Amino acid sequence: MDLLALDDPVYVIELTAAALEACRRDLLGVRSEGDADGGAAAGRTLEPPPARPVRALALIFAADEDPLLLPIEPTRDMAALDAAARLIRAAAVTGRPLAELATDCGDLQLQRLYFARRLPRLIYQGVSPEQARRIPERFRTIVAGPRSGASG
């Protein structure tokens, strides 16, 4: 990944305990007034696309830790980035593979994005072994699964 400038846009995916609990409640259909983000796409308001394409995802596992930056193909597709974030959070909560969630459990928008291959490549191919080593153990199988033990 080319170095990012301090003002380069990144897409933040929060995977903290609080974010995952909100996702879990949303998946179960339990909504509370304080839920800022959940798994449902319906009625979501997306941020406008940044002036420059997003070239990295910033995964936040804990508020007091630095985020893990994962390179992605440059994109301004906020719907695809939002869908990827929802999918990763749902996988973290359920322990189910990304592809299975997208194809079997995803809403129509997520399925369309998935089959059109508009989601970041890591959704389809996982992350490199080097990147996987920097991911907390409980999340490794979610984003590193497709590459572990596979050739190519």
N, C-alpha and C. Protein backbone atom coordinates (compact mmCIF):
# COMPACT_ATOMS: atom_id res chain seq x y z
N MET A 1 0.85 -1.17 0.00
CA MET A 1 0.00 0.00 0.00
C MET A 1 0.90 1.23 0.00
N ASP A 2 0.59 2.17 -0.88
CA ASP A 2 1.30 3.44 -0.86
C ASP A 2 1.01 4.14 0.45
N LEU A 3 1.96 4.92 0.89
CA LEU A 3 1.75 5.66 2.13
C LEU A 3 0.56 6.59 2.00
N LEU A 4 -0.20 6.68 3.05
CA LEU A 4 -1.34 7.59 3.09
C LEU A 4 -0.88 8.91 3.68
N ALA A 5 -1.37 10.00 3.14
CA ALA A 5 -1.13 11.30 3.74
C ALA A 5 -2.09 11.46 4.93
N LEU A 6 -1.76 12.35 5.82
CA LEU A 6 -2.60 12.56 7.00
C LEU A 6 -4.02 12.96 6.64
N ASP A 7 -4.21 13.60 5.48
CA ASP A 7 -5.55 14.04 5.11
C ASP A 7 -6.21 13.13 4.06
N ASP A 8 -5.59 11.98 3.76
CA ASP A 8 -6.24 11.03 2.86
C ASP A 8 -7.44 10.41 3.55
N PRO A 9 -8.56 10.29 2.85
CA PRO A 9 -9.73 9.68 3.48
C PRO A 9 -9.54 8.17 3.65
N VAL A 10 -9.98 7.66 4.80
CA VAL A 10 -10.06 6.23 5.05
C VAL A 10 -11.48 5.95 5.52
N TYR A 11 -11.90 4.72 5.36
CA TYR A 11 -13.24 4.35 5.81
C TYR A 11 -13.09 3.57 7.11
N VAL A 12 -13.69 4.07 8.16
CA VAL A 12 -13.56 3.50 9.49
C VAL A 12 -14.64 2.45 9.73
N ILE A 13 -14.19 1.26 10.16
CA ILE A 13 -15.11 0.20 10.55
C ILE A 13 -14.84 -0.09 12.02
N GLU A 14 -15.80 0.26 12.85
CA GLU A 14 -15.65 0.07 14.28
C GLU A 14 -16.05 -1.36 14.65
N LEU A 15 -15.12 -2.06 15.29
CA LEU A 15 -15.34 -3.42 15.73
C LEU A 15 -15.14 -3.54 17.25
N THR A 16 -15.42 -2.44 17.93
CA THR A 16 -15.31 -2.43 19.39
C THR A 16 -16.45 -3.26 19.98
N ALA A 17 -16.32 -3.56 21.26
CA ALA A 17 -17.37 -4.32 21.94
C ALA A 17 -18.72 -3.62 21.83
N ALA A 18 -18.74 -2.30 21.98
CA ALA A 18 -20.00 -1.55 21.90
C ALA A 18 -20.61 -1.62 20.49
N ALA A 19 -19.78 -1.50 19.46
CA ALA A 19 -20.28 -1.56 18.09
C ALA A 19 -20.82 -2.95 17.77
N LEU A 20 -20.12 -3.97 18.25
CA LEU A 20 -20.58 -5.33 17.99
C LEU A 20 -21.86 -5.65 18.77
N GLU A 21 -21.99 -5.10 19.96
CA GLU A 21 -23.22 -5.29 20.73
C GLU A 21 -24.40 -4.62 20.03
N ALA A 22 -24.19 -3.43 19.49
CA ALA A 22 -25.26 -2.75 18.74
C ALA A 22 -25.64 -3.56 17.51
N CYS A 23 -24.65 -4.13 16.83
CA CYS A 23 -24.91 -4.97 15.67
C CYS A 23 -25.69 -6.22 16.08
N ARG A 24 -25.28 -6.85 17.19
CA ARG A 24 -25.97 -8.04 17.67
C ARG A 24 -27.44 -7.74 17.96
N ARG A 25 -27.70 -6.61 18.63
CA ARG A 25 -29.08 -6.23 18.94
C ARG A 25 -29.87 -5.99 17.64
N ASP A 26 -29.22 -5.37 16.67
CA ASP A 26 -29.89 -5.10 15.41
C ASP A 26 -30.21 -6.40 14.68
N LEU A 27 -29.26 -7.33 14.68
CA LEU A 27 -29.50 -8.62 14.03
C LEU A 27 -30.65 -9.37 14.68
N LEU A 28 -30.81 -9.19 16.00
CA LEU A 28 -31.90 -9.83 16.72
C LEU A 28 -33.19 -9.03 16.65
N GLY A 29 -33.13 -7.86 16.04
CA GLY A 29 -34.31 -7.02 15.93
C GLY A 29 -34.60 -6.21 17.17
N VAL A 30 -33.63 -6.09 18.06
CA VAL A 30 -33.80 -5.32 19.29
C VAL A 30 -33.16 -3.96 19.07
N ARG A 31 -33.96 -2.93 19.02
CA ARG A 31 -33.46 -1.58 18.77
C ARG A 31 -33.59 -0.76 20.04
N SER A 32 -32.59 0.05 20.27
CA SER A 32 -32.67 0.99 21.38
C SER A 32 -32.43 2.39 20.83
N GLU A 33 -32.90 3.37 21.55
CA GLU A 33 -32.80 4.75 21.08
C GLU A 33 -31.35 5.18 20.84
N GLY A 34 -30.42 4.60 21.59
CA GLY A 34 -29.02 5.00 21.48
C GLY A 34 -28.26 4.31 20.35
N ASP A 35 -28.89 3.39 19.63
CA ASP A 35 -28.18 2.70 18.56
C ASP A 35 -27.85 3.66 17.43
N ALA A 36 -26.56 3.90 17.25
CA ALA A 36 -26.12 4.79 16.18
C ALA A 36 -25.90 4.03 14.89
N ASP A 37 -25.59 2.74 15.00
CA ASP A 37 -25.29 1.97 13.80
C ASP A 37 -25.66 0.53 14.05
N GLY A 38 -26.23 -0.08 13.05
CA GLY A 38 -26.58 -1.49 13.17
C GLY A 38 -26.41 -2.16 11.84
N GLY A 39 -27.07 -3.28 11.66
CA GLY A 39 -26.88 -4.05 10.45
C GLY A 39 -27.86 -3.72 9.34
N ALA A 40 -28.95 -3.05 9.62
CA ALA A 40 -29.97 -2.82 8.59
C ALA A 40 -29.57 -1.71 7.64
N ALA A 41 -29.75 -1.95 6.36
CA ALA A 41 -29.40 -0.94 5.36
C ALA A 41 -30.56 0.02 5.11
N ALA A 42 -31.77 -0.46 5.34
CA ALA A 42 -32.93 0.37 5.05
C ALA A 42 -32.93 1.64 5.87
N GLY A 43 -33.16 2.75 5.21
CA GLY A 43 -33.25 4.02 5.90
C GLY A 43 -31.92 4.61 6.32
N ARG A 44 -30.81 4.01 5.91
CA ARG A 44 -29.49 4.51 6.29
C ARG A 44 -29.16 5.74 5.47
N THR A 45 -28.52 6.69 6.13
CA THR A 45 -28.03 7.87 5.44
C THR A 45 -26.52 7.73 5.31
N LEU A 46 -26.05 7.70 4.09
CA LEU A 46 -24.62 7.53 3.84
C LEU A 46 -23.94 8.87 3.75
N GLU A 47 -22.69 8.88 4.15
CA GLU A 47 -21.87 10.08 4.00
C GLU A 47 -21.69 10.34 2.50
N PRO A 48 -21.57 11.61 2.11
CA PRO A 48 -21.28 11.87 0.70
C PRO A 48 -19.87 11.38 0.38
N PRO A 49 -19.63 11.00 -0.87
CA PRO A 49 -18.30 10.51 -1.22
C PRO A 49 -17.25 11.60 -1.01
N PRO A 50 -16.07 11.22 -0.55
CA PRO A 50 -15.01 12.21 -0.37
C PRO A 50 -14.49 12.70 -1.72
N ALA A 51 -13.83 13.84 -1.70
CA ALA A 51 -13.29 14.41 -2.94
C ALA A 51 -12.27 13.47 -3.57
N ARG A 52 -11.47 12.82 -2.72
CA ARG A 52 -10.48 11.86 -3.22
C ARG A 52 -10.95 10.46 -2.83
N PRO A 53 -10.62 9.48 -3.63
CA PRO A 53 -11.06 8.11 -3.32
C PRO A 53 -10.49 7.59 -2.01
N VAL A 54 -11.26 6.76 -1.36
CA VAL A 54 -10.82 6.05 -0.16
C VAL A 54 -9.90 4.93 -0.62
N ARG A 55 -8.72 4.82 0.02
CA ARG A 55 -7.75 3.79 -0.36
C ARG A 55 -7.44 2.82 0.77
N ALA A 56 -8.11 2.98 1.90
CA ALA A 56 -7.85 2.09 3.02
C ALA A 56 -9.06 2.01 3.94
N LEU A 57 -9.19 0.84 4.57
CA LEU A 57 -10.16 0.67 5.64
C LEU A 57 -9.38 0.77 6.94
N ALA A 58 -9.96 1.42 7.92
CA ALA A 58 -9.36 1.51 9.25
C ALA A 58 -10.23 0.69 10.19
N LEU A 59 -9.73 -0.47 10.60
CA LEU A 59 -10.47 -1.32 11.52
C LEU A 59 -10.11 -0.94 12.94
N ILE A 60 -11.12 -0.57 13.72
CA ILE A 60 -10.91 -0.18 15.11
C ILE A 60 -11.45 -1.29 16.00
N PHE A 61 -10.53 -1.96 16.72
CA PHE A 61 -10.89 -3.06 17.59
C PHE A 61 -11.12 -2.60 19.02
N ALA A 62 -10.43 -1.54 19.43
CA ALA A 62 -10.57 -0.99 20.77
C ALA A 62 -10.30 0.51 20.70
N ALA A 63 -11.04 1.28 21.48
CA ALA A 63 -10.92 2.74 21.43
C ALA A 63 -9.54 3.23 21.80
N ASP A 64 -8.83 2.48 22.63
CA ASP A 64 -7.52 2.93 23.09
C ASP A 64 -6.36 2.35 22.27
N GLU A 65 -6.66 1.74 21.12
CA GLU A 65 -5.63 1.17 20.26
C GLU A 65 -5.64 1.86 18.90
N ASP A 66 -4.49 1.84 18.24
CA ASP A 66 -4.42 2.37 16.89
C ASP A 66 -5.24 1.48 15.96
N PRO A 67 -5.85 2.06 14.95
CA PRO A 67 -6.61 1.24 14.00
C PRO A 67 -5.66 0.43 13.12
N LEU A 68 -6.16 -0.64 12.57
CA LEU A 68 -5.43 -1.42 11.59
C LEU A 68 -5.85 -0.92 10.22
N LEU A 69 -4.91 -0.44 9.44
CA LEU A 69 -5.20 0.05 8.10
C LEU A 69 -5.04 -1.09 7.10
N LEU A 70 -6.07 -1.33 6.31
CA LEU A 70 -6.03 -2.33 5.27
C LEU A 70 -6.23 -1.65 3.93
N PRO A 71 -5.32 -1.87 2.99
CA PRO A 71 -5.47 -1.23 1.68
C PRO A 71 -6.64 -1.80 0.91
N ILE A 72 -7.29 -0.94 0.14
CA ILE A 72 -8.35 -1.37 -0.76
C ILE A 72 -8.14 -0.65 -2.09
N GLU A 73 -8.80 -1.14 -3.12
CA GLU A 73 -8.77 -0.43 -4.40
C GLU A 73 -9.43 0.93 -4.18
N PRO A 74 -8.85 1.99 -4.71
CA PRO A 74 -9.46 3.31 -4.51
C PRO A 74 -10.93 3.32 -4.93
N THR A 75 -11.77 3.89 -4.07
CA THR A 75 -13.21 3.93 -4.36
C THR A 75 -13.84 5.15 -3.72
N ARG A 76 -14.91 5.59 -4.34
CA ARG A 76 -15.77 6.63 -3.77
C ARG A 76 -17.17 6.07 -3.54
N ASP A 77 -17.32 4.76 -3.66
CA ASP A 77 -18.60 4.06 -3.55
C ASP A 77 -18.95 3.87 -2.07
N MET A 78 -19.62 4.83 -1.51
CA MET A 78 -19.95 4.79 -0.08
C MET A 78 -20.94 3.68 0.25
N ALA A 79 -21.82 3.33 -0.69
CA ALA A 79 -22.77 2.23 -0.45
C ALA A 79 -22.01 0.91 -0.30
N ALA A 80 -21.00 0.69 -1.12
CA ALA A 80 -20.21 -0.53 -1.03
C ALA A 80 -19.39 -0.56 0.26
N LEU A 81 -18.83 0.56 0.65
CA LEU A 81 -18.04 0.61 1.88
C LEU A 81 -18.94 0.39 3.10
N ASP A 82 -20.12 1.00 3.10
CA ASP A 82 -21.07 0.80 4.20
C ASP A 82 -21.50 -0.67 4.26
N ALA A 83 -21.78 -1.27 3.11
CA ALA A 83 -22.19 -2.68 3.08
C ALA A 83 -21.06 -3.57 3.59
N ALA A 84 -19.84 -3.28 3.22
CA ALA A 84 -18.70 -4.07 3.69
C ALA A 84 -18.57 -3.97 5.21
N ALA A 85 -18.76 -2.77 5.73
CA ALA A 85 -18.69 -2.58 7.20
C ALA A 85 -19.78 -3.38 7.89
N ARG A 86 -21.00 -3.31 7.39
CA ARG A 86 -22.10 -4.08 7.99
C ARG A 86 -21.82 -5.57 7.92
N LEU A 87 -21.27 -6.02 6.80
CA LEU A 87 -20.98 -7.44 6.62
C LEU A 87 -19.89 -7.90 7.57
N ILE A 88 -18.83 -7.11 7.72
CA ILE A 88 -17.74 -7.48 8.62
C ILE A 88 -18.22 -7.52 10.07
N ARG A 89 -19.02 -6.52 10.46
CA ARG A 89 -19.55 -6.53 11.83
C ARG A 89 -20.46 -7.73 12.06
N ALA A 90 -21.31 -8.04 11.10
CA ALA A 90 -22.22 -9.19 11.25
C ALA A 90 -21.42 -10.49 11.33
N ALA A 91 -20.36 -10.61 10.56
CA ALA A 91 -19.52 -11.80 10.63
C ALA A 91 -18.84 -11.90 11.99
N ALA A 92 -18.41 -10.76 12.52
CA ALA A 92 -17.77 -10.76 13.84
C ALA A 92 -18.77 -11.21 14.92
N VAL A 93 -20.01 -10.82 14.77
CA VAL A 93 -21.03 -11.17 15.77
C VAL A 93 -21.47 -12.63 15.64
N THR A 94 -21.65 -13.09 14.41
CA THR A 94 -22.20 -14.43 14.20
C THR A 94 -21.15 -15.51 14.04
N GLY A 95 -19.94 -15.12 13.65
CA GLY A 95 -18.90 -16.10 13.37
C GLY A 95 -19.08 -16.80 12.04
N ARG A 96 -20.01 -16.33 11.24
CA ARG A 96 -20.26 -16.95 9.93
C ARG A 96 -19.37 -16.32 8.87
N PRO A 97 -18.99 -17.07 7.83
CA PRO A 97 -18.14 -16.53 6.77
C PRO A 97 -18.80 -15.37 6.03
N LEU A 98 -17.98 -14.45 5.56
CA LEU A 98 -18.48 -13.27 4.85
C LEU A 98 -19.34 -13.65 3.64
N ALA A 99 -18.85 -14.57 2.82
CA ALA A 99 -19.60 -14.95 1.62
C ALA A 99 -20.96 -15.54 1.97
N GLU A 100 -21.00 -16.38 3.00
CA GLU A 100 -22.26 -16.99 3.41
C GLU A 100 -23.25 -15.93 3.89
N LEU A 101 -22.77 -14.99 4.69
CA LEU A 101 -23.65 -13.93 5.17
C LEU A 101 -24.18 -13.08 4.01
N ALA A 102 -23.29 -12.73 3.10
CA ALA A 102 -23.69 -11.87 1.98
C ALA A 102 -24.70 -12.56 1.08
N THR A 103 -24.48 -13.83 0.77
CA THR A 103 -25.34 -14.50 -0.20
C THR A 103 -26.60 -15.09 0.42
N ASP A 104 -26.50 -15.60 1.64
CA ASP A 104 -27.65 -16.28 2.26
C ASP A 104 -28.47 -15.37 3.17
N CYS A 105 -27.82 -14.38 3.78
CA CYS A 105 -28.51 -13.59 4.79
C CYS A 105 -28.57 -12.11 4.46
N GLY A 106 -27.85 -11.69 3.44
CA GLY A 106 -27.79 -10.27 3.13
C GLY A 106 -29.08 -9.75 2.52
N ASP A 107 -29.32 -8.46 2.74
CA ASP A 107 -30.47 -7.83 2.09
C ASP A 107 -30.18 -7.72 0.59
N LEU A 108 -31.16 -7.29 -0.16
CA LEU A 108 -31.04 -7.23 -1.62
C LEU A 108 -29.88 -6.33 -2.05
N GLN A 109 -29.71 -5.20 -1.37
CA GLN A 109 -28.61 -4.29 -1.72
C GLN A 109 -27.26 -4.97 -1.52
N LEU A 110 -27.09 -5.62 -0.39
CA LEU A 110 -25.82 -6.30 -0.11
C LEU A 110 -25.56 -7.41 -1.13
N GLN A 111 -26.57 -8.18 -1.45
CA GLN A 111 -26.40 -9.24 -2.44
C GLN A 111 -26.01 -8.68 -3.80
N ARG A 112 -26.66 -7.60 -4.20
CA ARG A 112 -26.31 -6.98 -5.50
C ARG A 112 -24.87 -6.50 -5.51
N LEU A 113 -24.46 -5.82 -4.44
CA LEU A 113 -23.08 -5.34 -4.36
C LEU A 113 -22.10 -6.50 -4.36
N TYR A 114 -22.43 -7.56 -3.61
CA TYR A 114 -21.55 -8.71 -3.52
C TYR A 114 -21.38 -9.38 -4.88
N PHE A 115 -22.47 -9.69 -5.55
CA PHE A 115 -22.38 -10.39 -6.83
C PHE A 115 -21.83 -9.51 -7.95
N ALA A 116 -21.96 -8.21 -7.83
CA ALA A 116 -21.37 -7.29 -8.81
C ALA A 116 -19.88 -7.06 -8.51
N ARG A 117 -19.39 -7.67 -7.42
CA ARG A 117 -18.00 -7.54 -6.98
C ARG A 117 -17.60 -6.08 -6.75
N ARG A 118 -18.52 -5.33 -6.16
CA ARG A 118 -18.26 -3.92 -5.85
C ARG A 118 -17.73 -3.72 -4.44
N LEU A 119 -17.72 -4.77 -3.63
CA LEU A 119 -17.20 -4.66 -2.27
C LEU A 119 -15.67 -4.73 -2.30
N PRO A 120 -15.02 -4.23 -1.27
CA PRO A 120 -13.55 -4.32 -1.24
C PRO A 120 -13.07 -5.77 -1.42
N ARG A 121 -11.96 -5.92 -2.09
CA ARG A 121 -11.42 -7.24 -2.43
C ARG A 121 -11.27 -8.15 -1.22
N LEU A 122 -10.96 -7.60 -0.06
CA LEU A 122 -10.76 -8.45 1.12
C LEU A 122 -12.01 -9.23 1.48
N ILE A 123 -13.19 -8.75 1.08
CA ILE A 123 -14.43 -9.48 1.34
C ILE A 123 -14.42 -10.81 0.59
N TYR A 124 -13.84 -10.81 -0.60
CA TYR A 124 -13.81 -12.00 -1.45
C TYR A 124 -12.56 -12.86 -1.21
N GLN A 125 -11.43 -12.21 -0.95
CA GLN A 125 -10.16 -12.92 -0.91
C GLN A 125 -9.50 -12.96 0.46
N GLY A 126 -10.04 -12.25 1.42
CA GLY A 126 -9.40 -12.18 2.72
C GLY A 126 -8.21 -11.22 2.69
N VAL A 127 -7.44 -11.25 3.74
CA VAL A 127 -6.27 -10.39 3.84
C VAL A 127 -5.02 -11.26 3.74
N SER A 128 -3.89 -10.62 3.54
CA SER A 128 -2.63 -11.34 3.44
C SER A 128 -2.28 -11.95 4.80
N PRO A 129 -1.45 -12.99 4.80
CA PRO A 129 -1.02 -13.57 6.09
C PRO A 129 -0.35 -12.53 6.99
N GLU A 130 0.41 -11.62 6.40
CA GLU A 130 1.06 -10.56 7.20
C GLU A 130 0.02 -9.68 7.88
N GLN A 131 -1.00 -9.29 7.14
CA GLN A 131 -2.07 -8.46 7.71
C GLN A 131 -2.84 -9.25 8.76
N ALA A 132 -3.05 -10.54 8.51
CA ALA A 132 -3.81 -11.37 9.44
C ALA A 132 -3.13 -11.44 10.80
N ARG A 133 -1.80 -11.45 10.81
CA ARG A 133 -1.07 -11.51 12.08
C ARG A 133 -1.30 -10.26 12.93
N ARG A 134 -1.68 -9.15 12.31
CA ARG A 134 -1.91 -7.90 13.04
C ARG A 134 -3.35 -7.76 13.51
N ILE A 135 -4.19 -8.73 13.18
CA ILE A 135 -5.61 -8.69 13.56
C ILE A 135 -5.79 -9.50 14.84
N PRO A 136 -6.54 -8.98 15.81
CA PRO A 136 -6.80 -9.77 17.02
C PRO A 136 -7.34 -11.16 16.67
N GLU A 137 -6.90 -12.15 17.43
CA GLU A 137 -7.22 -13.56 17.17
C GLU A 137 -8.71 -13.79 16.89
N ARG A 138 -9.58 -13.19 17.69
CA ARG A 138 -11.01 -13.48 17.55
C ARG A 138 -11.59 -12.97 16.23
N PHE A 139 -10.85 -12.12 15.50
CA PHE A 139 -11.33 -11.60 14.22
C PHE A 139 -10.63 -12.23 13.02
N ARG A 140 -9.58 -12.98 13.25
CA ARG A 140 -8.77 -13.48 12.13
C ARG A 140 -9.56 -14.34 11.16
N THR A 141 -10.36 -15.24 11.66
CA THR A 141 -11.07 -16.13 10.74
C THR A 141 -12.11 -15.38 9.90
N ILE A 142 -12.52 -14.23 10.36
CA ILE A 142 -13.53 -13.47 9.62
C ILE A 142 -12.93 -12.88 8.35
N VAL A 143 -11.80 -12.17 8.47
CA VAL A 143 -11.24 -11.50 7.30
C VAL A 143 -10.04 -12.23 6.72
N ALA A 144 -9.51 -13.23 7.41
CA ALA A 144 -8.38 -13.97 6.89
C ALA A 144 -8.76 -15.37 6.42
N GLY A 145 -9.98 -15.79 6.71
CA GLY A 145 -10.41 -17.15 6.42
C GLY A 145 -10.18 -17.67 5.02
N PRO A 146 -10.58 -16.94 3.97
CA PRO A 146 -10.47 -17.49 2.63
C PRO A 146 -9.03 -17.83 2.22
N ARG A 147 -8.05 -17.14 2.78
CA ARG A 147 -6.67 -17.40 2.38
C ARG A 147 -5.99 -18.46 3.22
N SER A 148 -6.46 -18.71 4.42
CA SER A 148 -5.77 -19.66 5.27
C SER A 148 -5.93 -21.06 4.71
N GLY A 149 -4.79 -21.69 4.46
CA GLY A 149 -4.79 -23.04 3.93
C GLY A 149 -5.10 -23.13 2.46
N ALA A 150 -5.38 -22.02 1.80
CA ALA A 150 -5.68 -22.04 0.37
C ALA A 150 -4.47 -21.59 -0.42
N SER A 151 -4.30 -22.15 -1.57
CA SER A 151 -3.21 -21.69 -2.43
C SER A 151 -3.79 -20.74 -3.46
N GLY A 152 -3.12 -19.61 -3.63
CA GLY A 152 -3.57 -18.65 -4.64
C GLY A 152 -4.41 -17.68 -4.08
